[in-house]
Amino acid sequence: MKKKYEIIWAKVAEKDLANIIEYIANDSPSNALKILKKIKEKTSSLYHSPKRGRIIPELQEQGIFQYRELIISPWRVIYRISEKDIYILSVFDSRQNVEDVLFKRLINSKI
């Protein structure tokens, strides 16, 4: 039997998703709801097959292999697998550069 993981959303990822859905809802509330369901379904299914997402290419080039992503066009969902949990870390538009997004978050974080 395959190991099952718990899906845990980081606050920043929840905020990312809320911002995306809010933006879409300004034009089409029904489309926003469809997109929310699609993203939640795809991420929820990671609990039984977490390695199906690819290692993030931009980070892999830097020797960083612990972060994976699901492409739910046009968004990228960044996550990390731990022993028992899957942490959803970020959701952003795939047209953005992942390094730029992460750098901005690092700069804006309160350490």
PDB file of N, CA and C in Angstrom:
ATOM      1  N   MET A   1       0.834  -1.190   0.000  1.00  0.00           N
ATOM      2  CA  MET A   1       0.000   0.000   0.000  1.00  0.00           C
ATOM      3  C   MET A   1       0.875   1.249   0.000  1.00  0.00           C
ATOM      4  N   LYS A   2       0.510   2.208  -0.821  1.00  0.00           N
ATOM      5  CA  LYS A   2       1.293   3.431  -0.926  1.00  0.00           C
ATOM      6  C   LYS A   2       1.138   4.292   0.319  1.00  0.00           C
ATOM      7  N   LYS A   3       2.215   4.981   0.649  1.00  0.00           N
ATOM      8  CA  LYS A   3       2.201   5.907   1.771  1.00  0.00           C
ATOM      9  C   LYS A   3       1.337   7.119   1.417  1.00  0.00           C
ATOM     10  N   LYS A   4       0.549   7.572   2.380  1.00  0.00           N
ATOM     11  CA  LYS A   4      -0.282   8.748   2.155  1.00  0.00           C
ATOM     12  C   LYS A   4       0.242   9.890   3.006  1.00  0.00           C
ATOM     13  N   TYR A   5       0.255  11.054   2.431  1.00  0.00           N
ATOM     14  CA  TYR A   5       0.790  12.250   3.066  1.00  0.00           C
ATOM     15  C   TYR A   5      -0.335  13.219   3.407  1.00  0.00           C
ATOM     16  N   GLU A   6      -0.048  14.098   4.347  1.00  0.00           N
ATOM     17  CA  GLU A   6      -0.980  15.183   4.644  1.00  0.00           C
ATOM     18  C   GLU A   6      -0.544  16.395   3.825  1.00  0.00           C
ATOM     19  N   ILE A   7      -1.496  17.090   3.244  1.00  0.00           N
ATOM     20  CA  ILE A   7      -1.220  18.300   2.473  1.00  0.00           C
ATOM     21  C   ILE A   7      -1.358  19.496   3.416  1.00  0.00           C
ATOM     22  N   ILE A   8      -0.303  20.290   3.504  1.00  0.00           N
ATOM     23  CA  ILE A   8      -0.313  21.472   4.368  1.00  0.00           C
ATOM     24  C   ILE A   8       0.010  22.692   3.513  1.00  0.00           C
ATOM     25  N   TRP A   9      -0.887  23.660   3.540  1.00  0.00           N
ATOM     26  CA  TRP A   9      -0.687  24.900   2.782  1.00  0.00           C
ATOM     27  C   TRP A   9      -0.002  25.944   3.667  1.00  0.00           C
ATOM     28  N   ALA A  10       1.113  26.470   3.207  1.00  0.00           N
ATOM     29  CA  ALA A  10       1.766  27.585   3.893  1.00  0.00           C
ATOM     30  C   ALA A  10       0.874  28.816   3.764  1.00  0.00           C
ATOM     31  N   LYS A  11       0.943  29.695   4.731  1.00  0.00           N
ATOM     32  CA  LYS A  11       0.111  30.906   4.698  1.00  0.00           C
ATOM     33  C   LYS A  11       0.352  31.719   3.428  1.00  0.00           C
ATOM     34  N   VAL A  12       1.595  31.808   2.999  1.00  0.00           N
ATOM     35  CA  VAL A  12       1.906  32.583   1.794  1.00  0.00           C
ATOM     36  C   VAL A  12       1.278  31.941   0.559  1.00  0.00           C
ATOM     37  N   ALA A  13       1.228  30.624   0.518  1.00  0.00           N
ATOM     38  CA  ALA A  13       0.597  29.932  -0.618  1.00  0.00           C
ATOM     39  C   ALA A  13      -0.919  30.133  -0.597  1.00  0.00           C
ATOM     40  N   GLU A  14      -1.498  30.101   0.604  1.00  0.00           N
ATOM     41  CA  GLU A  14      -2.929  30.390   0.714  1.00  0.00           C
ATOM     42  C   GLU A  14      -3.236  31.801   0.236  1.00  0.00           C
ATOM     43  N   LYS A  15      -2.366  32.734   0.593  1.00  0.00           N
ATOM     44  CA  LYS A  15      -2.542  34.125   0.161  1.00  0.00           C
ATOM     45  C   LYS A  15      -2.384  34.238  -1.361  1.00  0.00           C
ATOM     46  N   ASP A  16      -1.401  33.535  -1.905  1.00  0.00           N
ATOM     47  CA  ASP A  16      -1.218  33.516  -3.367  1.00  0.00           C
ATOM     48  C   ASP A  16      -2.506  33.075  -4.054  1.00  0.00           C
ATOM     49  N   LEU A  17      -3.044  31.956  -3.581  1.00  0.00           N
ATOM     50  CA  LEU A  17      -4.244  31.399  -4.199  1.00  0.00           C
ATOM     51  C   LEU A  17      -5.430  32.352  -4.038  1.00  0.00           C
ATOM     52  N   ALA A  18      -5.571  32.927  -2.862  1.00  0.00           N
ATOM     53  CA  ALA A  18      -6.673  33.873  -2.633  1.00  0.00           C
ATOM     54  C   ALA A  18      -6.555  35.076  -3.568  1.00  0.00           C
ATOM     55  N   ASN A  19      -5.345  35.575  -3.763  1.00  0.00           N
ATOM     56  CA  ASN A  19      -5.132  36.718  -4.659  1.00  0.00           C
ATOM     57  C   ASN A  19      -5.477  36.370  -6.104  1.00  0.00           C
ATOM     58  N   ILE A  20      -5.085  35.175  -6.528  1.00  0.00           N
ATOM     59  CA  ILE A  20      -5.392  34.722  -7.893  1.00  0.00           C
ATOM     60  C   ILE A  20      -6.906  34.636  -8.082  1.00  0.00           C
ATOM     61  N   ILE A  21      -7.572  33.992  -7.146  1.00  0.00           N
ATOM     62  CA  ILE A  21      -9.019  33.784  -7.252  1.00  0.00           C
ATOM     63  C   ILE A  21      -9.763  35.119  -7.176  1.00  0.00           C
ATOM     64  N   GLU A  22      -9.326  35.990  -6.305  1.00  0.00           N
ATOM     65  CA  GLU A  22      -9.950  37.317  -6.190  1.00  0.00           C
ATOM     66  C   GLU A  22      -9.811  38.100  -7.495  1.00  0.00           C
ATOM     67  N   TYR A  23      -8.629  38.049  -8.088  1.00  0.00           N
ATOM     68  CA  TYR A  23      -8.384  38.757  -9.348  1.00  0.00           C
ATOM     69  C   TYR A  23      -9.305  38.228 -10.456  1.00  0.00           C
ATOM     70  N   ILE A  24      -9.394  36.913 -10.570  1.00  0.00           N
ATOM     71  CA  ILE A  24     -10.237  36.301 -11.603  1.00  0.00           C
ATOM     72  C   ILE A  24     -11.710  36.588 -11.334  1.00  0.00           C
ATOM     73  N   ALA A  25     -12.103  36.574 -10.071  1.00  0.00           N
ATOM     74  CA  ALA A  25     -13.495  36.795  -9.692  1.00  0.00           C
ATOM     75  C   ALA A  25     -13.986  38.189 -10.062  1.00  0.00           C
ATOM     76  N   ASN A  26     -13.072  39.137 -10.172  1.00  0.00           N
ATOM     77  CA  ASN A  26     -13.466  40.491 -10.593  1.00  0.00           C
ATOM     78  C   ASN A  26     -14.110  40.474 -11.975  1.00  0.00           C
ATOM     79  N   ASP A  27     -13.652  39.573 -12.836  1.00  0.00           N
ATOM     80  CA  ASP A  27     -14.217  39.451 -14.183  1.00  0.00           C
ATOM     81  C   ASP A  27     -15.264  38.352 -14.279  1.00  0.00           C
ATOM     82  N   SER A  28     -15.021  37.242 -13.557  1.00  0.00           N
ATOM     83  CA  SER A  28     -15.902  36.085 -13.695  1.00  0.00           C
ATOM     84  C   SER A  28     -15.898  35.241 -12.421  1.00  0.00           C
ATOM     85  N   PRO A  29     -16.849  35.481 -11.525  1.00  0.00           N
ATOM     86  CA  PRO A  29     -16.916  34.677 -10.298  1.00  0.00           C
ATOM     87  C   PRO A  29     -17.043  33.175 -10.558  1.00  0.00           C
ATOM     88  N   SER A  30     -17.785  32.800 -11.581  1.00  0.00           N
ATOM     89  CA  SER A  30     -17.950  31.369 -11.858  1.00  0.00           C
ATOM     90  C   SER A  30     -16.640  30.745 -12.341  1.00  0.00           C
ATOM     91  N   ASN A  31     -15.889  31.468 -13.153  1.00  0.00           N
ATOM     92  CA  ASN A  31     -14.594  30.976 -13.610  1.00  0.00           C
ATOM     93  C   ASN A  31     -13.619  30.881 -12.437  1.00  0.00           C
ATOM     94  N   ALA A  32     -13.671  31.842 -11.539  1.00  0.00           N
ATOM     95  CA  ALA A  32     -12.797  31.828 -10.364  1.00  0.00           C
ATOM     96  C   ALA A  32     -13.066  30.578  -9.526  1.00  0.00           C
ATOM     97  N   LEU A  33     -14.332  30.240  -9.362  1.00  0.00           N
ATOM     98  CA  LEU A  33     -14.689  29.049  -8.591  1.00  0.00           C
ATOM     99  C   LEU A  33     -14.180  27.779  -9.274  1.00  0.00           C
ATOM    100  N   LYS A  34     -14.298  27.712 -10.598  1.00  0.00           N
ATOM    101  CA  LYS A  34     -13.796  26.551 -11.346  1.00  0.00           C
ATOM    102  C   LYS A  34     -12.290  26.405 -11.167  1.00  0.00           C
ATOM    103  N   ILE A  35     -11.587  27.518 -11.247  1.00  0.00           N
ATOM    104  CA  ILE A  35     -10.129  27.487 -11.114  1.00  0.00           C
ATOM    105  C   ILE A  35      -9.724  27.093  -9.698  1.00  0.00           C
ATOM    106  N   LEU A  36     -10.420  27.627  -8.708  1.00  0.00           N
ATOM    107  CA  LEU A  36     -10.142  27.256  -7.322  1.00  0.00           C
ATOM    108  C   LEU A  36     -10.316  25.749  -7.131  1.00  0.00           C
ATOM    109  N   LYS A  37     -11.409  25.201  -7.631  1.00  0.00           N
ATOM    110  CA  LYS A  37     -11.654  23.762  -7.513  1.00  0.00           C
ATOM    111  C   LYS A  37     -10.563  22.957  -8.215  1.00  0.00           C
ATOM    112  N   LYS A  38     -10.172  23.406  -9.398  1.00  0.00           N
ATOM    113  CA  LYS A  38      -9.153  22.695 -10.170  1.00  0.00           C
ATOM    114  C   LYS A  38      -7.821  22.664  -9.416  1.00  0.00           C
ATOM    115  N   ILE A  39      -7.399  23.807  -8.894  1.00  0.00           N
ATOM    116  CA  ILE A  39      -6.123  23.873  -8.170  1.00  0.00           C
ATOM    117  C   ILE A  39      -6.196  23.032  -6.895  1.00  0.00           C
ATOM    118  N   LYS A  40      -7.285  23.129  -6.156  1.00  0.00           N
ATOM    119  CA  LYS A  40      -7.426  22.357  -4.917  1.00  0.00           C
ATOM    120  C   LYS A  40      -7.456  20.848  -5.199  1.00  0.00           C
ATOM    121  N   GLU A  41      -8.145  20.433  -6.255  1.00  0.00           N
ATOM    122  CA  GLU A  41      -8.203  19.011  -6.599  1.00  0.00           C
ATOM    123  C   GLU A  41      -6.836  18.474  -6.983  1.00  0.00           C
ATOM    124  N   LYS A  42      -6.135  19.207  -7.823  1.00  0.00           N
ATOM    125  CA  LYS A  42      -4.813  18.750  -8.281  1.00  0.00           C
ATOM    126  C   LYS A  42      -3.826  18.680  -7.123  1.00  0.00           C
ATOM    127  N   THR A  43      -3.839  19.677  -6.254  1.00  0.00           N
ATOM    128  CA  THR A  43      -2.901  19.651  -5.125  1.00  0.00           C
ATOM    129  C   THR A  43      -3.299  18.590  -4.099  1.00  0.00           C
ATOM    130  N   SER A  44      -4.589  18.392  -3.895  1.00  0.00           N
ATOM    131  CA  SER A  44      -5.046  17.380  -2.942  1.00  0.00           C
ATOM    132  C   SER A  44      -4.642  15.973  -3.371  1.00  0.00           C
ATOM    133  N   SER A  45      -4.566  15.756  -4.659  1.00  0.00           N
ATOM    134  CA  SER A  45      -4.212  14.425  -5.147  1.00  0.00           C
ATOM    135  C   SER A  45      -2.732  14.098  -4.950  1.00  0.00           C
ATOM    136  N   LEU A  46      -1.946  15.067  -4.520  1.00  0.00           N
ATOM    137  CA  LEU A  46      -0.528  14.795  -4.244  1.00  0.00           C
ATOM    138  C   LEU A  46      -0.343  13.837  -3.077  1.00  0.00           C
ATOM    139  N   TYR A  47      -1.357  13.705  -2.216  1.00  0.00           N
ATOM    140  CA  TYR A  47      -1.205  12.898  -1.008  1.00  0.00           C
ATOM    141  C   TYR A  47      -0.820  11.454  -1.306  1.00  0.00           C
ATOM    142  N   HIS A  48      -1.178  10.945  -2.469  1.00  0.00           N
ATOM    143  CA  HIS A  48      -0.835   9.554  -2.785  1.00  0.00           C
ATOM    144  C   HIS A  48       0.244   9.421  -3.852  1.00  0.00           C
ATOM    145  N   SER A  49       0.597  10.511  -4.532  1.00  0.00           N
ATOM    146  CA  SER A  49       1.665  10.433  -5.542  1.00  0.00           C
ATOM    147  C   SER A  49       2.435  11.761  -5.587  1.00  0.00           C
ATOM    148  N   PRO A  50       3.135  12.090  -4.514  1.00  0.00           N
ATOM    149  CA  PRO A  50       3.769  13.406  -4.419  1.00  0.00           C
ATOM    150  C   PRO A  50       4.925  13.642  -5.395  1.00  0.00           C
ATOM    151  N   LYS A  51       5.532  12.592  -5.877  1.00  0.00           N
ATOM    152  CA  LYS A  51       6.673  12.775  -6.772  1.00  0.00           C
ATOM    153  C   LYS A  51       6.266  12.971  -8.221  1.00  0.00           C
ATOM    154  N   ARG A  52       4.971  13.048  -8.471  1.00  0.00           N
ATOM    155  CA  ARG A  52       4.543  13.230  -9.861  1.00  0.00           C
ATOM    156  C   ARG A  52       4.878  14.619 -10.382  1.00  0.00           C
ATOM    157  N   GLY A  53       5.007  15.595  -9.493  1.00  0.00           N
ATOM    158  CA  GLY A  53       5.435  16.924  -9.911  1.00  0.00           C
ATOM    159  C   GLY A  53       6.921  16.915 -10.236  1.00  0.00           C
ATOM    160  N   ARG A  54       7.310  17.752 -11.146  1.00  0.00           N
ATOM    161  CA  ARG A  54       8.717  17.773 -11.549  1.00  0.00           C
ATOM    162  C   ARG A  54       9.547  18.604 -10.569  1.00  0.00           C
ATOM    163  N   ILE A  55      10.837  18.307 -10.527  1.00  0.00           N
ATOM    164  CA  ILE A  55      11.773  19.145  -9.792  1.00  0.00           C
ATOM    165  C   ILE A  55      11.848  20.464 -10.559  1.00  0.00           C
ATOM    166  N   ILE A  56      11.874  21.563  -9.846  1.00  0.00           N
ATOM    167  CA  ILE A  56      11.843  22.886 -10.490  1.00  0.00           C
ATOM    168  C   ILE A  56      13.132  23.099 -11.286  1.00  0.00           C
ATOM    169  N   PRO A  57      13.033  23.238 -12.603  1.00  0.00           N
ATOM    170  CA  PRO A  57      14.230  23.317 -13.449  1.00  0.00           C
ATOM    171  C   PRO A  57      15.197  24.443 -13.062  1.00  0.00           C
ATOM    172  N   GLU A  58      14.661  25.624 -12.765  1.00  0.00           N
ATOM    173  CA  GLU A  58      15.536  26.751 -12.437  1.00  0.00           C
ATOM    174  C   GLU A  58      16.335  26.502 -11.152  1.00  0.00           C
ATOM    175  N   LEU A  59      15.729  25.799 -10.217  1.00  0.00           N
ATOM    176  CA  LEU A  59      16.430  25.486  -8.970  1.00  0.00           C
ATOM    177  C   LEU A  59      17.357  24.287  -9.142  1.00  0.00           C
ATOM    178  N   GLN A  60      16.929  23.341  -9.953  1.00  0.00           N
ATOM    179  CA  GLN A  60      17.757  22.172 -10.229  1.00  0.00           C
ATOM    180  C   GLN A  60      19.099  22.593 -10.831  1.00  0.00           C
ATOM    181  N   GLU A  61      19.074  23.605 -11.687  1.00  0.00           N
ATOM    182  CA  GLU A  61      20.309  24.126 -12.281  1.00  0.00           C
ATOM    183  C   GLU A  61      21.264  24.658 -11.214  1.00  0.00           C
ATOM    184  N   GLN A  62      20.719  25.045 -10.064  1.00  0.00           N
ATOM    185  CA  GLN A  62      21.521  25.570  -8.959  1.00  0.00           C
ATOM    186  C   GLN A  62      21.856  24.482  -7.931  1.00  0.00           C
ATOM    187  N   GLY A  63      21.499  23.249  -8.244  1.00  0.00           N
ATOM    188  CA  GLY A  63      21.785  22.135  -7.343  1.00  0.00           C
ATOM    189  C   GLY A  63      20.764  21.967  -6.225  1.00  0.00           C
ATOM    190  N   ILE A  64      19.591  22.558  -6.386  1.00  0.00           N
ATOM    191  CA  ILE A  64      18.525  22.467  -5.382  1.00  0.00           C
ATOM    192  C   ILE A  64      17.462  21.506  -5.916  1.00  0.00           C
ATOM    193  N   PHE A  65      17.299  20.380  -5.224  1.00  0.00           N
ATOM    194  CA  PHE A  65      16.435  19.320  -5.733  1.00  0.00           C
ATOM    195  C   PHE A  65      15.219  19.020  -4.859  1.00  0.00           C
ATOM    196  N   GLN A  66      15.075  19.656  -3.704  1.00  0.00           N
ATOM    197  CA  GLN A  66      14.001  19.275  -2.788  1.00  0.00           C
ATOM    198  C   GLN A  66      12.657  19.926  -3.091  1.00  0.00           C
ATOM    199  N   TYR A  67      12.608  20.837  -4.039  1.00  0.00           N
ATOM    200  CA  TYR A  67      11.349  21.508  -4.358  1.00  0.00           C
ATOM    201  C   TYR A  67      10.803  20.999  -5.682  1.00  0.00           C
ATOM    202  N   ARG A  68       9.520  20.754  -5.700  1.00  0.00           N
ATOM    203  CA  ARG A  68       8.846  20.263  -6.897  1.00  0.00           C
ATOM    204  C   ARG A  68       7.732  21.217  -7.266  1.00  0.00           C
ATOM    205  N   GLU A  69       7.181  21.011  -8.448  1.00  0.00           N
ATOM    206  CA  GLU A  69       6.076  21.857  -8.875  1.00  0.00           C
ATOM    207  C   GLU A  69       5.080  21.066  -9.692  1.00  0.00           C
ATOM    208  N   LEU A  70       3.845  21.514  -9.566  1.00  0.00           N
ATOM    209  CA  LEU A  70       2.773  21.067 -10.441  1.00  0.00           C
ATOM    210  C   LEU A  70       2.469  22.235 -11.360  1.00  0.00           C
ATOM    211  N   ILE A  71       2.334  21.965 -12.617  1.00  0.00           N
ATOM    212  CA  ILE A  71       1.893  22.989 -13.549  1.00  0.00           C
ATOM    213  C   ILE A  71       0.393  22.794 -13.728  1.00  0.00           C
ATOM    214  N   ILE A  72      -0.342  23.789 -13.298  1.00  0.00           N
ATOM    215  CA  ILE A  72      -1.792  23.820 -13.482  1.00  0.00           C
ATOM    216  C   ILE A  72      -2.021  25.094 -14.283  1.00  0.00           C
ATOM    217  N   SER A  73      -1.829  24.950 -15.559  1.00  0.00           N
ATOM    218  CA  SER A  73      -1.721  26.075 -16.483  1.00  0.00           C
ATOM    219  C   SER A  73      -2.794  27.140 -16.245  1.00  0.00           C
ATOM    220  N   PRO A  74      -2.386  28.384 -16.143  1.00  0.00           N
ATOM    221  CA  PRO A  74      -1.054  28.947 -16.302  1.00  0.00           C
ATOM    222  C   PRO A  74      -0.300  29.152 -14.983  1.00  0.00           C
ATOM    223  N   TRP A  75      -0.616  28.365 -13.964  1.00  0.00           N
ATOM    224  CA  TRP A  75       0.028  28.564 -12.664  1.00  0.00           C
ATOM    225  C   TRP A  75       1.012  27.456 -12.345  1.00  0.00           C
ATOM    226  N   ARG A  76       1.954  27.819 -11.493  1.00  0.00           N
ATOM    227  CA  ARG A  76       2.925  26.878 -10.966  1.00  0.00           C
ATOM    228  C   ARG A  76       2.660  26.763  -9.467  1.00  0.00           C
ATOM    229  N   VAL A  77       2.518  25.543  -9.001  1.00  0.00           N
ATOM    230  CA  VAL A  77       2.321  25.286  -7.579  1.00  0.00           C
ATOM    231  C   VAL A  77       3.612  24.645  -7.067  1.00  0.00           C
ATOM    232  N   ILE A  78       4.301  25.359  -6.195  1.00  0.00           N
ATOM    233  CA  ILE A  78       5.581  24.908  -5.661  1.00  0.00           C
ATOM    234  C   ILE A  78       5.320  24.181  -4.345  1.00  0.00           C
ATOM    235  N   TYR A  79       5.951  23.015  -4.186  1.00  0.00           N
ATOM    236  CA  TYR A  79       5.773  22.255  -2.951  1.00  0.00           C
ATOM    237  C   TYR A  79       7.032  21.490  -2.588  1.00  0.00           C
ATOM    238  N   ARG A  80       7.045  21.019  -1.342  1.00  0.00           N
ATOM    239  CA  ARG A  80       8.156  20.230  -0.824  1.00  0.00           C
ATOM    240  C   ARG A  80       7.579  19.019  -0.104  1.00  0.00           C
ATOM    241  N   ILE A  81       8.228  17.890  -0.280  1.00  0.00           N
ATOM    242  CA  ILE A  81       7.801  16.653   0.366  1.00  0.00           C
ATOM    243  C   ILE A  81       8.670  16.446   1.602  1.00  0.00           C
ATOM    244  N   SER A  82       8.017  16.192   2.732  1.00  0.00           N
ATOM    245  CA  SER A  82       8.763  15.810   3.930  1.00  0.00           C
ATOM    246  C   SER A  82       8.417  14.361   4.239  1.00  0.00           C
ATOM    247  N   GLU A  83       8.817  13.892   5.389  1.00  0.00           N
ATOM    248  CA  GLU A  83       8.596  12.499   5.749  1.00  0.00           C
ATOM    249  C   GLU A  83       7.126  12.091   5.710  1.00  0.00           C
ATOM    250  N   LYS A  84       6.256  12.934   6.272  1.00  0.00           N
ATOM    251  CA  LYS A  84       4.831  12.601   6.362  1.00  0.00           C
ATOM    252  C   LYS A  84       3.924  13.630   5.701  1.00  0.00           C
ATOM    253  N   ASP A  85       4.483  14.746   5.307  1.00  0.00           N
ATOM    254  CA  ASP A  85       3.669  15.862   4.840  1.00  0.00           C
ATOM    255  C   ASP A  85       4.153  16.382   3.488  1.00  0.00           C
ATOM    256  N   ILE A  86       3.221  17.049   2.827  1.00  0.00           N
ATOM    257  CA  ILE A  86       3.551  17.797   1.617  1.00  0.00           C
ATOM    258  C   ILE A  86       3.197  19.238   1.915  1.00  0.00           C
ATOM    259  N   TYR A  87       4.176  20.109   1.772  1.00  0.00           N
ATOM    260  CA  TYR A  87       3.978  21.526   2.050  1.00  0.00           C
ATOM    261  C   TYR A  87       3.805  22.277   0.737  1.00  0.00           C
ATOM    262  N   ILE A  88       2.631  22.874   0.547  1.00  0.00           N
ATOM    263  CA  ILE A  88       2.397  23.736  -0.607  1.00  0.00           C
ATOM    264  C   ILE A  88       2.969  25.098  -0.215  1.00  0.00           C
ATOM    265  N   LEU A  89       3.945  25.575  -0.976  1.00  0.00           N
ATOM    266  CA  LEU A  89       4.702  26.755  -0.580  1.00  0.00           C
ATOM    267  C   LEU A  89       4.360  28.012  -1.358  1.00  0.00           C
ATOM    268  N   SER A  90       3.907  27.843  -2.585  1.00  0.00           N
ATOM    269  CA  SER A  90       3.656  29.020  -3.409  1.00  0.00           C
ATOM    270  C   SER A  90       2.803  28.649  -4.614  1.00  0.00           C
ATOM    271  N   VAL A  91       2.021  29.617  -5.057  1.00  0.00           N
ATOM    272  CA  VAL A  91       1.243  29.478  -6.294  1.00  0.00           C
ATOM    273  C   VAL A  91       1.420  30.790  -7.043  1.00  0.00           C
ATOM    274  N   PHE A  92       1.915  30.711  -8.268  1.00  0.00           N
ATOM    275  CA  PHE A  92       2.104  31.944  -9.036  1.00  0.00           C
ATOM    276  C   PHE A  92       1.998  31.676 -10.525  1.00  0.00           C
ATOM    277  N   ASP A  93       1.855  32.748 -11.262  1.00  0.00           N
ATOM    278  CA  ASP A  93       1.702  32.690 -12.711  1.00  0.00           C
ATOM    279  C   ASP A  93       2.971  32.116 -13.335  1.00  0.00           C
ATOM    280  N   SER A  94       2.811  31.156 -14.220  1.00  0.00           N
ATOM    281  CA  SER A  94       3.963  30.481 -14.830  1.00  0.00           C
ATOM    282  C   SER A  94       4.778  31.393 -15.742  1.00  0.00           C
ATOM    283  N   ARG A  95       4.229  32.554 -16.083  1.00  0.00           N
ATOM    284  CA  ARG A  95       4.995  33.492 -16.913  1.00  0.00           C
ATOM    285  C   ARG A  95       6.008  34.264 -16.080  1.00  0.00           C
ATOM    286  N   GLN A  96       5.910  34.147 -14.752  1.00  0.00           N
ATOM    287  CA  GLN A  96       6.881  34.790 -13.879  1.00  0.00           C
ATOM    288  C   GLN A  96       8.088  33.878 -13.712  1.00  0.00           C
ATOM    289  N   ASN A  97       9.234  34.478 -13.481  1.00  0.00           N
ATOM    290  CA  ASN A  97      10.454  33.727 -13.229  1.00  0.00           C
ATOM    291  C   ASN A  97      10.464  33.295 -11.763  1.00  0.00           C
ATOM    292  N   VAL A  98      10.630  31.994 -11.528  1.00  0.00           N
ATOM    293  CA  VAL A  98      10.582  31.472 -10.161  1.00  0.00           C
ATOM    294  C   VAL A  98      11.662  32.103  -9.273  1.00  0.00           C
ATOM    295  N   GLU A  99      12.829  32.344  -9.829  1.00  0.00           N
ATOM    296  CA  GLU A  99      13.893  32.954  -9.037  1.00  0.00           C
ATOM    297  C   GLU A  99      13.513  34.369  -8.604  1.00  0.00           C
ATOM    298  N   ASP A 100      12.872  35.124  -9.492  1.00  0.00           N
ATOM    299  CA  ASP A 100      12.432  36.474  -9.145  1.00  0.00           C
ATOM    300  C   ASP A 100      11.374  36.447  -8.057  1.00  0.00           C
ATOM    301  N   VAL A 101      10.426  35.526  -8.170  1.00  0.00           N
ATOM    302  CA  VAL A 101       9.357  35.404  -7.176  1.00  0.00           C
ATOM    303  C   VAL A 101       9.959  35.073  -5.812  1.00  0.00           C
ATOM    304  N   LEU A 102      10.849  34.089  -5.778  1.00  0.00           N
ATOM    305  CA  LEU A 102      11.454  33.685  -4.510  1.00  0.00           C
ATOM    306  C   LEU A 102      12.335  34.786  -3.930  1.00  0.00           C
ATOM    307  N   PHE A 103      13.052  35.494  -4.778  1.00  0.00           N
ATOM    308  CA  PHE A 103      13.896  36.587  -4.308  1.00  0.00           C
ATOM    309  C   PHE A 103      13.055  37.699  -3.683  1.00  0.00           C
ATOM    310  N   LYS A 104      11.964  38.063  -4.346  1.00  0.00           N
ATOM    311  CA  LYS A 104      11.069  39.091  -3.796  1.00  0.00           C
ATOM    312  C   LYS A 104      10.512  38.665  -2.448  1.00  0.00           C
ATOM    313  N   ARG A 105      10.172  37.399  -2.330  1.00  0.00           N
ATOM    314  CA  ARG A 105       9.632  36.911  -1.060  1.00  0.00           C
ATOM    315  C   ARG A 105      10.699  36.947   0.034  1.00  0.00           C
ATOM    316  N   LEU A 106      11.903  36.613  -0.328  1.00  0.00           N
ATOM    317  CA  LEU A 106      12.993  36.652   0.637  1.00  0.00           C
ATOM    318  C   LEU A 106      13.235  38.069   1.121  1.00  0.00           C
ATOM    319  N   ILE A 107      13.254  39.012   0.195  1.00  0.00           N
ATOM    320  CA  ILE A 107      13.473  40.411   0.522  1.00  0.00           C
ATOM    321  C   ILE A 107      12.346  40.950   1.390  1.00  0.00           C
ATOM    322  N   ASN A 108      11.111  40.566   1.091  1.00  0.00           N
ATOM    323  CA  ASN A 108       9.949  41.089   1.805  1.00  0.00           C
ATOM    324  C   ASN A 108       9.616  40.351   3.093  1.00  0.00           C
ATOM    325  N   SER A 109      10.290  39.215   3.342  1.00  0.00           N
ATOM    326  CA  SER A 109       9.975  38.459   4.552  1.00  0.00           C
ATOM    327  C   SER A 109      10.558  39.139   5.786  1.00  0.00           C
ATOM    328  N   LYS A 110       9.898  38.887   6.885  1.00  0.00           N
ATOM    329  CA  LYS A 110      10.369  39.433   8.163  1.00  0.00           C
ATOM    330  C   LYS A 110      11.133  38.333   8.863  1.00  0.00           C
ATOM    331  N   ILE A 111      12.423  38.460   8.859  1.00  0.00           N
ATOM    332  CA  ILE A 111      13.290  37.429   9.452  1.00  0.00           C
ATOM    333  C   ILE A 111      13.576  37.775  10.895  1.00  0.00           C
TER     334      ILE A 111
END
